[in-house]
Amino acid sequence: MDQRSDSENLSPFISDRVLVNGKVVPLTFTRDGKLRWNHNDRWCLNVEKEALGFTFEGSRIRVNVVVEKRDRILCFANMGGIGRQSFVFEPLSEESLTLWSQKLRDYIDSLGRPKRLLIFVNPFGGKKCATKIFVEDVRPCLEDADIQFTVIETKHQLHAKEVVKTLDLSKYDGIVCVSGDGILVEVINGLLEREDWSDAIKMPIGMVPAGTGNGMVKSLLDSAGEICSPSNAILAVIRGHTRSLDVATISQGKTRFFSVLMLAWGLIADIDIESEKYRWMGSARIDFYALQRITYLRHYNGRVSFVPAPGFEEYGEQTSYSGEPSCETSTSQQESLNIQQPGYLGSDVKLENMHWRTISGPFVSIWLHNVPWGSEDVLAAPNAMFSDGYLDLIIVKDIPKLSLLSLLSKMNDGSHVHCPHVMYLKVKAFVLEPGARIDDPMKEGIIDSDGELLARGNVTYKGNVKCYMAYDKLQITVDQGLATLFAPV
């Protein structure tokens, strides 16, 4: 056995002869994290990428691995091209066993992988498959990786938010949402409404797709060229790599809502929220209701003001900041609003010192996006970035119905933003002043943020969900890289 140490290098180096399937073969663990051995063919395992973890079973060491291609060490495949398998070897002496065990543990620890996770499973979202996904895809990988986890099944809307607001975060290295985007939004809002929000929001959050939209996890995995699947998603969590995420603060008076995905008003919001009555149709409800909304197209009065990113100053007309929105509501309305307890109050940027532009309606659709994908098959904002400090704004004013139908059909690849009827730009801050419908001034619209009904006007969608805000002027600012996500790279 040959051992070489390097105190300045976290990767150990061991070369030894071990027992594999009854045969003694040479095994080497290199400083760059590769396990190499000879058995029938010469095999190589990249520990950081392919090893979930190690299990120490008496005198044997089991290496739990994932395999993505058939030409790698162990051929196995399932949905998403990811398989679980194991390689077992047995050192030939107690001294060798102790050394191998210690060096493998040290290397895994040096990768900064999470050891304790809190997992929210939403059994009601999407096709109600979250529990099945957790049992079949998530739990086996976590067990192979020797990660301790606590599972909470959400019972009702805002359950995850309630848990996170009082959670002892010191017990966990991360939070994972086996759900659609809604539970992620609850977790972010819960963390930011804590008194210790500045420390709490540093908690890494992972996503496993199990909902209707899954826009955030699609954006994360697609950015690394990976398929949006539960297996790929939980591997990103296990490997422990993180990336920062912008958080948008939507404010109206003292009310705050923290958004990480999008805000919509007009066509997109109407489709997203009003199609809920067809939820029994599954994801097909979106396409079905979109056709209805195009057939009976609505135009809304209103105005938007924004601070454009460099290079987008030609959009709109020059204006000045008109002050933070206030909200005067009746007592009954005020009780329905989510008045935030002490916590994060939003970006402290001086909006009055910024260069504002404005565009007046009527509008067909206003859509703000923080990440590229709105759902697994809608590339809403192809130029959006996770932590550039800007939101991508997509504006549609007047557009023929056939052109609109064509535009919506192009959303799967992002080419809709090149339509001549679309304005696509990046903004640092944004103010929305929503108005009534052109065809019937007695009817107003819907404001949707991250799939939640943020506000609704008169004689509109009559769902039972309470709104966070009034259908009135609201303001959005962006805090660059405030939150942290588990990510593939």
Protein backbone atom coordinates (compact mmCIF):
# COMPACT_ATOMS: atom_id res chain seq x y z
CA MET A 1 0.00 0.00 0.00
CA ASP A 2 1.31 3.46 -0.97
CA GLN A 3 0.01 6.60 0.69
CA ARG A 4 1.14 10.17 -0.12
CA SER A 5 -0.12 13.14 1.88
CA ASP A 6 -0.37 16.79 0.92
CA SER A 7 -1.66 19.05 3.69
CA GLU A 8 -2.46 21.79 1.19
CA ASN A 9 -4.58 19.55 -0.98
CA LEU A 10 -7.95 18.34 0.27
CA SER A 11 -7.94 15.35 -2.11
CA PRO A 12 -6.10 12.35 -0.66
CA PHE A 13 -4.03 9.88 -2.67
CA ILE A 14 -4.21 6.15 -2.00
CA SER A 15 -3.05 3.21 -4.08
CA ASP A 16 -3.81 -0.29 -2.81
CA ARG A 17 -4.85 -3.80 -3.74
CA VAL A 18 -8.42 -4.66 -2.71
CA LEU A 19 -10.91 -7.48 -3.14
CA VAL A 20 -13.63 -6.97 -5.78
CA ASN A 21 -16.06 -9.80 -6.54
CA GLY A 22 -13.64 -12.35 -5.14
CA LYS A 23 -10.64 -11.07 -7.10
CA VAL A 24 -7.72 -8.97 -5.88
CA VAL A 25 -7.36 -5.88 -8.09
CA PRO A 26 -5.43 -2.60 -7.83
CA LEU A 27 -7.50 0.42 -6.71
CA THR A 28 -6.33 4.03 -6.75
CA PHE A 29 -7.95 7.16 -5.36
CA THR A 30 -6.33 10.20 -6.99
CA ARG A 31 -6.03 13.77 -5.76
CA ASP A 32 -8.53 14.97 -8.35
CA GLY A 33 -11.23 12.72 -6.91
CA LYS A 34 -11.07 9.75 -9.26
CA LEU A 35 -11.41 6.10 -8.23
CA ARG A 36 -9.58 3.89 -10.74
CA TRP A 37 -9.43 0.12 -10.72
CA ASN A 38 -8.83 -2.88 -12.96
CA HIS A 39 -11.51 -5.54 -13.15
CA ASN A 40 -12.24 -7.11 -16.54
CA ASP A 41 -11.97 -3.63 -18.09
CA ARG A 42 -10.26 -0.57 -16.65
CA TRP A 43 -12.91 1.56 -14.93
CA CYS A 44 -12.86 5.08 -13.61
CA LEU A 45 -15.30 6.79 -11.27
CA ASN A 46 -15.51 10.57 -10.83
CA VAL A 47 -16.46 10.71 -7.15
CA GLU A 48 -17.74 14.28 -7.12
CA LYS A 49 -19.99 13.81 -10.14
CA GLU A 50 -20.97 10.15 -9.98
CA ALA A 51 -20.78 9.05 -6.34
CA LEU A 52 -23.80 9.61 -4.13
CA GLY A 53 -21.94 8.40 -1.06
CA PHE A 54 -20.20 5.56 0.71
CA THR A 55 -21.61 2.89 2.99
CA PHE A 56 -19.25 1.12 5.38
CA GLU A 57 -20.41 -2.46 5.93
CA GLY A 58 -18.05 -4.27 8.26
CA SER A 59 -14.89 -5.01 6.28
CA ARG A 60 -16.43 -3.84 3.00
CA ILE A 61 -16.97 -0.39 1.49
CA ARG A 62 -19.92 0.19 -0.82
CA VAL A 63 -19.71 3.08 -3.28
CA ASN A 64 -23.24 4.21 -4.22
CA VAL A 65 -23.17 5.76 -7.68
CA VAL A 66 -25.35 7.27 -10.37
CA VAL A 67 -24.77 6.55 -14.03
CA GLU A 68 -25.82 8.78 -16.88
CA LYS A 69 -24.46 7.01 -19.97
CA ARG A 70 -24.15 3.39 -21.00
CA ASP A 71 -20.46 3.75 -21.78
CA ARG A 72 -19.60 4.60 -18.16
CA ILE A 73 -18.59 2.25 -15.38
CA LEU A 74 -21.91 0.58 -14.61
CA CYS A 75 -24.62 0.36 -17.23
CA PHE A 76 -28.04 1.18 -15.88
CA ALA A 77 -30.69 3.63 -17.05
CA ASN A 78 -34.14 4.85 -16.13
CA MET A 79 -36.28 7.94 -16.68
CA GLY A 80 -34.08 10.93 -17.40
CA GLY A 81 -31.03 8.80 -18.18
CA ILE A 82 -30.05 8.45 -14.52
CA GLY A 83 -29.54 5.12 -12.76
CA ARG A 84 -28.43 4.04 -9.28
CA GLN A 85 -25.92 1.27 -8.80
CA SER A 86 -23.11 0.35 -6.43
CA PHE A 87 -19.54 -0.88 -6.48
CA VAL A 88 -18.27 -2.87 -3.47
CA PHE A 89 -14.66 -3.42 -2.54
CA GLU A 90 -12.92 -4.93 0.49
CA PRO A 91 -9.54 -3.71 1.75
CA LEU A 92 -7.20 -6.56 2.67
CA SER A 93 -6.29 -5.36 6.17
CA GLU A 94 -7.72 -3.43 9.11
CA GLU A 95 -5.16 -0.71 8.57
CA SER A 96 -6.16 -0.36 4.93
CA LEU A 97 -9.88 -0.38 5.80
CA THR A 98 -9.41 2.42 8.33
CA LEU A 99 -7.39 4.50 5.91
CA TRP A 100 -9.80 4.07 3.00
CA SER A 101 -12.80 4.87 5.23
CA GLN A 102 -11.20 8.03 6.58
CA LYS A 103 -9.96 9.33 3.24
CA LEU A 104 -13.28 8.74 1.48
CA ARG A 105 -15.19 10.47 4.29
CA ASP A 106 -12.75 13.38 4.23
CA TYR A 107 -13.13 13.82 0.49
CA ILE A 108 -16.94 13.80 0.58
CA ASP A 109 -16.87 16.29 3.48
CA SER A 110 -14.54 18.55 1.49
CA LEU A 111 -17.17 18.87 -1.23
CA GLY A 112 -19.50 20.81 1.08
CA ARG A 113 -22.47 18.54 0.46
CA PRO A 114 -25.56 18.88 2.69
CA LYS A 115 -25.92 16.34 5.49
CA ARG A 116 -29.33 17.29 6.90
CA LEU A 117 -32.32 18.40 4.83
CA LEU A 118 -35.87 19.51 5.50
CA ILE A 119 -38.13 18.31 2.70
CA PHE A 120 -41.58 19.70 1.88
CA VAL A 121 -43.77 17.38 -0.17
CA ASN A 122 -46.92 18.89 -1.65
CA PRO A 123 -49.30 15.98 -2.29
CA PHE A 124 -51.95 18.25 -3.85
CA GLY A 125 -49.95 20.01 -6.58
CA GLY A 126 -49.94 19.20 -10.29
CA LYS A 127 -51.00 15.61 -10.97
CA LYS A 128 -50.78 14.81 -7.23
CA CYS A 129 -47.66 12.75 -7.84
CA ALA A 130 -45.27 14.43 -5.36
CA THR A 131 -45.48 11.64 -2.78
CA LYS A 132 -44.75 9.01 -5.43
CA ILE A 133 -41.82 11.06 -6.76
CA PHE A 134 -40.39 11.40 -3.27
CA VAL A 135 -40.66 7.66 -2.55
CA GLU A 136 -39.32 6.46 -5.90
CA ASP A 137 -36.81 9.12 -6.93
CA VAL A 138 -35.83 11.31 -3.98
CA ARG A 139 -35.62 9.10 -0.90
CA PRO A 140 -33.47 6.32 -2.44
CA CYS A 141 -30.86 8.85 -3.59
CA LEU A 142 -30.79 10.58 -0.20
CA GLU A 143 -30.35 7.25 1.55
CA ASP A 144 -27.52 6.27 -0.80
CA ALA A 145 -25.89 9.61 -0.05
CA ASP A 146 -26.28 9.07 3.71
CA ILE A 147 -28.18 12.38 4.05
CA GLN A 148 -30.48 12.70 7.05
CA PHE A 149 -33.85 14.21 6.19
CA THR A 150 -37.12 15.29 7.78
CA VAL A 151 -40.25 15.17 5.61
CA ILE A 152 -43.26 17.45 5.99
CA GLU A 153 -46.31 16.95 3.78
CA THR A 154 -48.03 20.29 3.29
CA LYS A 155 -51.66 20.26 4.41
CA HIS A 156 -52.94 23.57 3.07
CA GLN A 157 -51.90 26.76 1.31
CA LEU A 158 -49.15 28.66 3.20
CA HIS A 159 -48.36 25.61 5.39
CA ALA A 160 -44.72 25.62 4.27
CA LYS A 161 -44.47 29.35 4.93
CA GLU A 162 -45.83 28.91 8.46
CA VAL A 163 -43.30 26.17 9.20
CA VAL A 164 -40.33 28.10 7.84
CA LYS A 165 -41.13 31.28 9.79
CA THR A 166 -40.52 29.52 13.13
CA LEU A 167 -38.14 26.76 12.03
CA ASP A 168 -34.88 26.11 13.89
CA LEU A 169 -32.69 26.51 10.82
CA SER A 170 -29.56 25.35 12.66
CA LYS A 171 -30.84 21.78 12.35
CA TYR A 172 -30.60 21.76 8.55
CA ASP A 173 -28.17 22.39 5.71
CA GLY A 174 -30.90 23.04 3.19
CA ILE A 175 -34.61 22.94 2.35
CA VAL A 176 -36.00 20.92 -0.56
CA CYS A 177 -39.41 21.40 -2.18
CA VAL A 178 -40.88 18.34 -3.90
CA SER A 179 -43.63 20.34 -5.55
CA GLY A 180 -44.35 22.95 -8.14
CA ASP A 181 -43.12 26.51 -7.82
CA GLY A 182 -45.69 27.46 -5.18
CA ILE A 183 -43.93 25.86 -2.21
CA LEU A 184 -40.64 27.51 -3.19
CA VAL A 185 -42.39 30.89 -3.10
CA GLU A 186 -43.84 30.10 0.33
CA VAL A 187 -40.40 29.13 1.66
CA ILE A 188 -38.78 32.32 0.32
CA ASN A 189 -41.53 34.48 1.82
CA GLY A 190 -41.32 32.63 5.14
CA LEU A 191 -37.55 33.10 5.38
CA LEU A 192 -37.80 36.82 4.58
CA GLU A 193 -40.53 37.43 7.14
CA ARG A 194 -38.36 36.16 10.00
CA GLU A 195 -36.66 38.56 12.39
CA ASP A 196 -33.35 36.90 11.46
CA TRP A 197 -34.13 37.11 7.75
CA SER A 198 -30.63 38.26 6.75
CA ASP A 199 -29.19 34.94 7.98
CA ALA A 200 -32.23 32.82 7.16
CA ILE A 201 -32.31 33.73 3.47
CA LYS A 202 -28.82 32.24 3.07
CA MET A 203 -30.33 28.76 3.57
CA PRO A 204 -29.93 26.85 0.25
CA ILE A 205 -33.22 25.74 -1.31
CA GLY A 206 -33.65 22.86 -3.72
CA MET A 207 -36.44 22.05 -6.13
CA VAL A 208 -37.70 18.66 -7.36
CA PRO A 209 -40.36 18.98 -10.11
CA ALA A 210 -43.73 17.67 -8.96
CA GLY A 211 -46.18 20.42 -9.88
CA THR A 212 -47.95 21.94 -12.86
CA GLY A 213 -45.39 24.56 -13.85
CA ASN A 214 -41.94 23.72 -12.44
CA GLY A 215 -40.47 26.86 -14.02
CA MET A 216 -37.67 27.36 -11.50
CA VAL A 217 -36.25 23.83 -11.58
CA LYS A 218 -36.61 23.76 -15.38
CA SER A 219 -34.58 26.98 -15.55
CA LEU A 220 -31.92 25.58 -13.23
CA LEU A 221 -31.48 22.25 -15.00
CA ASP A 222 -31.77 23.69 -18.50
CA SER A 223 -29.00 26.19 -17.72
CA ALA A 224 -26.70 23.20 -17.24
CA GLY A 225 -28.01 21.35 -20.31
CA GLU A 226 -29.79 18.74 -18.18
CA ILE A 227 -33.24 17.21 -18.58
CA CYS A 228 -35.86 18.47 -16.16
CA SER A 229 -36.43 15.29 -14.15
CA PRO A 230 -36.74 14.43 -10.44
CA SER A 231 -33.51 12.40 -10.61
CA ASN A 232 -31.44 15.24 -12.04
CA ALA A 233 -33.01 17.68 -9.60
CA ILE A 234 -32.23 15.71 -6.44
CA LEU A 235 -28.69 15.05 -7.70
CA ALA A 236 -28.18 18.81 -7.87
CA VAL A 237 -29.17 19.00 -4.21
CA ILE A 238 -26.94 16.11 -3.13
CA ARG A 239 -23.88 17.51 -4.91
CA GLY A 240 -24.33 20.70 -2.93
CA HIS A 241 -23.47 23.29 -5.57
CA THR A 242 -25.37 26.56 -5.16
CA ARG A 243 -26.11 29.74 -7.08
CA SER A 244 -27.61 33.06 -6.02
CA LEU A 245 -31.09 34.19 -7.06
CA ASP A 246 -32.58 37.66 -7.38
CA VAL A 247 -35.64 38.35 -5.24
CA ALA A 248 -38.23 40.93 -6.30
CA THR A 249 -40.15 42.81 -3.62
CA ILE A 250 -43.72 43.69 -4.62
CA SER A 251 -45.00 46.42 -2.31
CA GLN A 252 -48.27 48.22 -1.78
CA GLY A 253 -48.52 50.28 1.37
CA LYS A 254 -47.20 48.14 4.21
CA THR A 255 -47.89 44.93 2.35
CA ARG A 256 -44.98 42.99 0.87
CA PHE A 257 -44.86 39.91 -1.32
CA PHE A 258 -41.53 38.42 -2.33
CA SER A 259 -41.41 37.05 -5.86
CA VAL A 260 -38.78 34.83 -7.47
CA LEU A 261 -40.48 33.82 -10.71
CA MET A 262 -42.77 36.30 -12.38
CA LEU A 263 -45.56 38.86 -12.22
CA ALA A 264 -48.32 38.98 -14.84
CA TRP A 265 -51.25 41.24 -15.60
CA GLY A 266 -53.61 40.84 -18.53
CA LEU A 267 -53.67 37.81 -20.80
CA ILE A 268 -51.06 35.63 -19.06
CA ALA A 269 -52.50 36.29 -15.60
CA ASP A 270 -56.04 35.62 -16.80
CA ILE A 271 -55.01 32.30 -18.32
CA ASP A 272 -52.94 31.22 -15.32
CA ILE A 273 -55.53 32.04 -12.64
CA GLU A 274 -58.89 31.65 -14.36
CA SER A 275 -57.97 28.27 -15.85
CA GLU A 276 -57.97 26.88 -12.30
CA LYS A 277 -61.62 25.95 -12.82
CA TYR A 278 -60.39 23.41 -15.38
CA ARG A 279 -57.73 21.93 -13.10
CA TRP A 280 -59.25 18.48 -13.63
CA MET A 281 -57.81 18.66 -17.16
CA GLY A 282 -54.24 18.74 -15.85
CA SER A 283 -51.71 20.84 -17.75
CA ALA A 284 -54.00 20.85 -20.81
CA ARG A 285 -56.16 23.40 -19.00
CA ILE A 286 -53.67 26.13 -19.91
CA ASP A 287 -53.90 25.56 -23.67
CA PHE A 288 -57.66 25.07 -23.52
CA TYR A 289 -58.31 28.30 -21.67
CA ALA A 290 -55.75 30.23 -23.71
CA LEU A 291 -57.85 29.57 -26.82
CA GLN A 292 -60.89 30.96 -25.04
CA ARG A 293 -59.05 34.08 -23.99
CA ILE A 294 -57.70 34.68 -27.51
CA THR A 295 -61.16 34.24 -29.01
CA TYR A 296 -62.61 36.77 -26.59
CA LEU A 297 -59.52 38.93 -26.26
CA ARG A 298 -59.42 41.50 -23.48
CA HIS A 299 -57.60 44.84 -23.54
CA TYR A 300 -56.87 46.68 -20.30
CA ASN A 301 -56.34 50.36 -19.59
CA GLY A 302 -53.42 51.19 -17.34
CA ARG A 303 -49.85 52.40 -17.20
CA VAL A 304 -46.44 50.94 -16.44
CA SER A 305 -43.34 52.84 -15.35
CA PHE A 306 -39.86 51.36 -15.13
CA VAL A 307 -36.15 51.95 -14.73
CA PRO A 308 -34.59 50.40 -17.85
CA ALA A 309 -31.34 48.47 -17.79
CA PRO A 310 -28.47 49.93 -19.83
CA GLY A 311 -29.23 49.52 -23.51
CA PHE A 312 -33.02 49.70 -23.14
CA GLU A 313 -33.44 53.43 -22.56
CA GLU A 314 -35.32 53.98 -25.83
CA TYR A 315 -38.45 52.21 -24.60
CA GLY A 316 -41.29 54.42 -23.34
CA GLU A 317 -41.37 58.11 -22.53
CA GLN A 318 -39.37 59.91 -19.89
CA THR A 319 -41.10 60.36 -16.54
CA SER A 320 -40.24 60.72 -12.85
CA TYR A 321 -40.73 58.49 -9.85
CA SER A 322 -44.17 59.15 -8.36
CA GLY A 323 -43.58 57.74 -4.90
CA GLU A 324 -44.23 54.43 -3.18
CA PRO A 325 -47.75 53.06 -3.69
CA SER A 326 -50.15 53.43 -0.78
CA CYS A 327 -53.26 51.38 -0.37
CA GLU A 328 -56.52 52.58 1.12
CA THR A 329 -58.84 49.67 1.78
CA SER A 330 -61.88 48.90 3.83
CA THR A 331 -61.52 47.02 7.11
CA SER A 332 -62.73 43.79 5.53
CA GLN A 333 -60.21 44.13 2.70
CA GLN A 334 -57.39 44.96 5.07
CA GLU A 335 -58.02 41.76 7.03
CA SER A 336 -57.50 39.79 3.84
CA LEU A 337 -54.12 41.35 3.13
CA ASN A 338 -50.89 39.77 4.25
CA ILE A 339 -49.46 42.54 6.45
CA GLN A 340 -45.88 41.52 7.02
CA GLN A 341 -44.37 41.14 10.45
CA PRO A 342 -40.88 42.55 11.11
CA GLY A 343 -38.53 41.18 8.48
CA TYR A 344 -37.05 42.14 5.14
CA LEU A 345 -38.56 45.36 3.78
CA GLY A 346 -37.14 45.23 0.29
CA SER A 347 -34.26 46.87 -1.52
CA ASP A 348 -33.08 50.21 -0.09
CA VAL A 349 -32.24 51.62 -3.54
CA LYS A 350 -33.13 55.33 -3.94
CA LEU A 351 -35.80 55.11 -6.64
CA GLU A 352 -36.29 58.88 -6.88
CA ASN A 353 -32.71 59.23 -8.10
CA MET A 354 -33.16 56.80 -10.98
CA HIS A 355 -34.14 57.47 -14.61
CA TRP A 356 -37.74 56.39 -15.15
CA ARG A 357 -39.65 55.68 -18.37
CA THR A 358 -43.38 55.09 -18.84
CA ILE A 359 -45.74 53.37 -21.29
CA SER A 360 -49.52 53.83 -21.27
CA GLY A 361 -52.13 51.31 -22.33
CA PRO A 362 -54.28 49.78 -23.45
CA PHE A 363 -52.42 46.50 -22.96
CA VAL A 364 -53.09 42.88 -23.86
CA SER A 365 -50.40 41.55 -21.51
CA ILE A 366 -47.73 42.69 -19.08
CA TRP A 367 -45.30 39.97 -17.98
CA LEU A 368 -42.23 40.31 -15.76
CA HIS A 369 -39.84 37.37 -15.43
CA ASN A 370 -36.94 36.61 -13.10
CA VAL A 371 -35.84 33.31 -14.68
CA PRO A 372 -36.04 32.02 -18.27
CA TRP A 373 -38.71 29.33 -18.00
CA GLY A 374 -42.29 30.00 -16.85
CA SER A 375 -43.04 26.29 -16.91
CA GLU A 376 -41.44 23.17 -18.34
CA ASP A 377 -42.66 24.03 -21.84
CA VAL A 378 -42.78 27.86 -21.76
CA LEU A 379 -39.50 29.71 -22.33
CA ALA A 380 -41.00 33.03 -21.29
CA ALA A 381 -37.87 35.17 -21.04
CA PRO A 382 -34.94 33.59 -22.90
CA ASN A 383 -32.48 36.31 -21.81
CA ALA A 384 -33.39 36.23 -18.10
CA MET A 385 -30.59 35.46 -15.65
CA PHE A 386 -30.76 34.22 -12.06
CA SER A 387 -28.80 37.03 -10.44
CA ASP A 388 -28.21 39.92 -12.83
CA GLY A 389 -30.23 42.34 -10.70
CA TYR A 390 -32.88 42.87 -13.41
CA LEU A 391 -36.32 41.57 -14.35
CA ASP A 392 -37.19 40.78 -17.96
CA LEU A 393 -40.29 42.70 -19.08
CA ILE A 394 -42.49 41.44 -21.92
CA ILE A 395 -45.19 43.87 -23.12
CA VAL A 396 -47.91 43.18 -25.66
CA LYS A 397 -50.22 46.05 -26.59
CA ASP A 398 -52.30 45.76 -29.76
CA ILE A 399 -52.03 42.50 -31.70
CA PRO A 400 -54.29 40.65 -34.19
CA LYS A 401 -55.76 37.42 -32.82
CA LEU A 402 -54.04 35.20 -35.40
CA SER A 403 -50.70 36.83 -34.61
CA LEU A 404 -51.34 36.30 -30.92
CA LEU A 405 -52.10 32.63 -31.50
CA SER A 406 -48.84 32.31 -33.42
CA LEU A 407 -47.00 34.17 -30.66
CA LEU A 408 -48.24 31.81 -27.95
CA SER A 409 -47.24 28.80 -30.05
CA LYS A 410 -43.65 30.10 -30.11
CA MET A 411 -43.30 30.28 -26.33
CA ASN A 412 -41.86 26.78 -26.13
CA ASP A 413 -38.58 27.99 -27.63
CA GLY A 414 -38.59 31.68 -26.65
CA SER A 415 -38.91 32.96 -30.22
CA HIS A 416 -42.09 34.87 -29.29
CA VAL A 417 -39.94 37.73 -27.99
CA HIS A 418 -38.91 38.50 -31.59
CA CYS A 419 -42.52 39.11 -32.64
CA PRO A 420 -43.02 42.71 -33.90
CA HIS A 421 -45.94 43.10 -31.50
CA VAL A 422 -43.73 42.35 -28.46
CA MET A 423 -41.56 44.73 -26.47
CA TYR A 424 -38.86 42.82 -24.58
CA LEU A 425 -36.50 44.66 -22.23
CA LYS A 426 -34.77 44.45 -18.86
CA VAL A 427 -35.75 46.68 -15.93
CA LYS A 428 -34.32 47.46 -12.50
CA ALA A 429 -37.55 48.71 -10.91
CA PHE A 430 -41.18 48.71 -12.02
CA VAL A 431 -44.51 50.32 -11.15
CA LEU A 432 -47.83 48.91 -12.35
CA GLU A 433 -51.02 51.00 -12.38
CA PRO A 434 -53.70 48.51 -13.49
CA GLY A 435 -56.97 49.69 -14.99
CA ALA A 436 -60.30 48.39 -16.22
CA ARG A 437 -61.14 46.50 -19.37
CA ILE A 438 -61.69 48.53 -22.54
CA ASP A 439 -64.82 46.63 -23.52
CA ASP A 440 -66.46 46.96 -20.09
CA PRO A 441 -65.11 49.63 -17.69
CA MET A 442 -67.04 48.01 -14.84
CA LYS A 443 -64.76 44.97 -15.06
CA GLU A 444 -61.14 44.92 -13.96
CA GLY A 445 -58.39 42.33 -14.13
CA ILE A 446 -56.10 39.98 -12.25
CA ILE A 447 -52.54 40.42 -11.03
CA ASP A 448 -50.68 37.13 -10.72
CA SER A 449 -47.30 36.63 -9.06
CA ASP A 450 -45.53 33.27 -9.06
CA GLY A 451 -48.84 31.52 -9.73
CA GLU A 452 -50.51 33.20 -6.74
CA LEU A 453 -53.54 35.47 -7.01
CA LEU A 454 -51.90 38.70 -5.90
CA ALA A 455 -54.87 41.00 -6.61
CA ARG A 456 -58.18 40.98 -8.44
CA GLY A 457 -60.41 43.85 -9.52
CA ASN A 458 -64.17 44.29 -9.67
CA VAL A 459 -66.39 41.70 -11.35
CA THR A 460 -63.55 39.37 -12.23
CA TYR A 461 -62.30 35.94 -11.13
CA LYS A 462 -64.36 34.74 -8.18
CA GLY A 463 -62.17 32.07 -6.63
CA ASN A 464 -62.18 31.49 -2.88
CA VAL A 465 -58.50 32.36 -2.40
CA LYS A 466 -57.86 35.62 -0.56
CA CYS A 467 -55.73 38.22 -2.30
CA TYR A 468 -52.50 39.60 -0.90
CA MET A 469 -53.06 43.11 -2.28
CA ALA A 470 -55.70 45.43 -3.70
CA TYR A 471 -56.15 45.88 -7.44
CA ASP A 472 -54.28 49.15 -7.42
CA LYS A 473 -50.88 50.67 -8.01
CA LEU A 474 -47.97 48.49 -6.90
CA GLN A 475 -44.20 48.71 -7.04
CA ILE A 476 -41.46 46.16 -7.69
CA THR A 477 -37.79 46.44 -6.79
CA VAL A 478 -35.04 43.83 -7.21
CA ASP A 479 -32.45 42.72 -4.66
CA GLN A 480 -29.64 41.09 -6.58
CA GLY A 481 -28.63 37.56 -5.50
CA LEU A 482 -30.55 37.69 -2.21
CA ALA A 483 -31.61 34.02 -2.09
CA THR A 484 -29.61 30.81 -2.63
CA LEU A 485 -30.59 27.75 -4.66
CA PHE A 486 -29.08 24.29 -5.01
CA ALA A 487 -28.02 24.15 -8.66
CA PRO A 488 -26.41 21.65 -11.06
CA VAL A 489 -23.31 23.84 -11.50
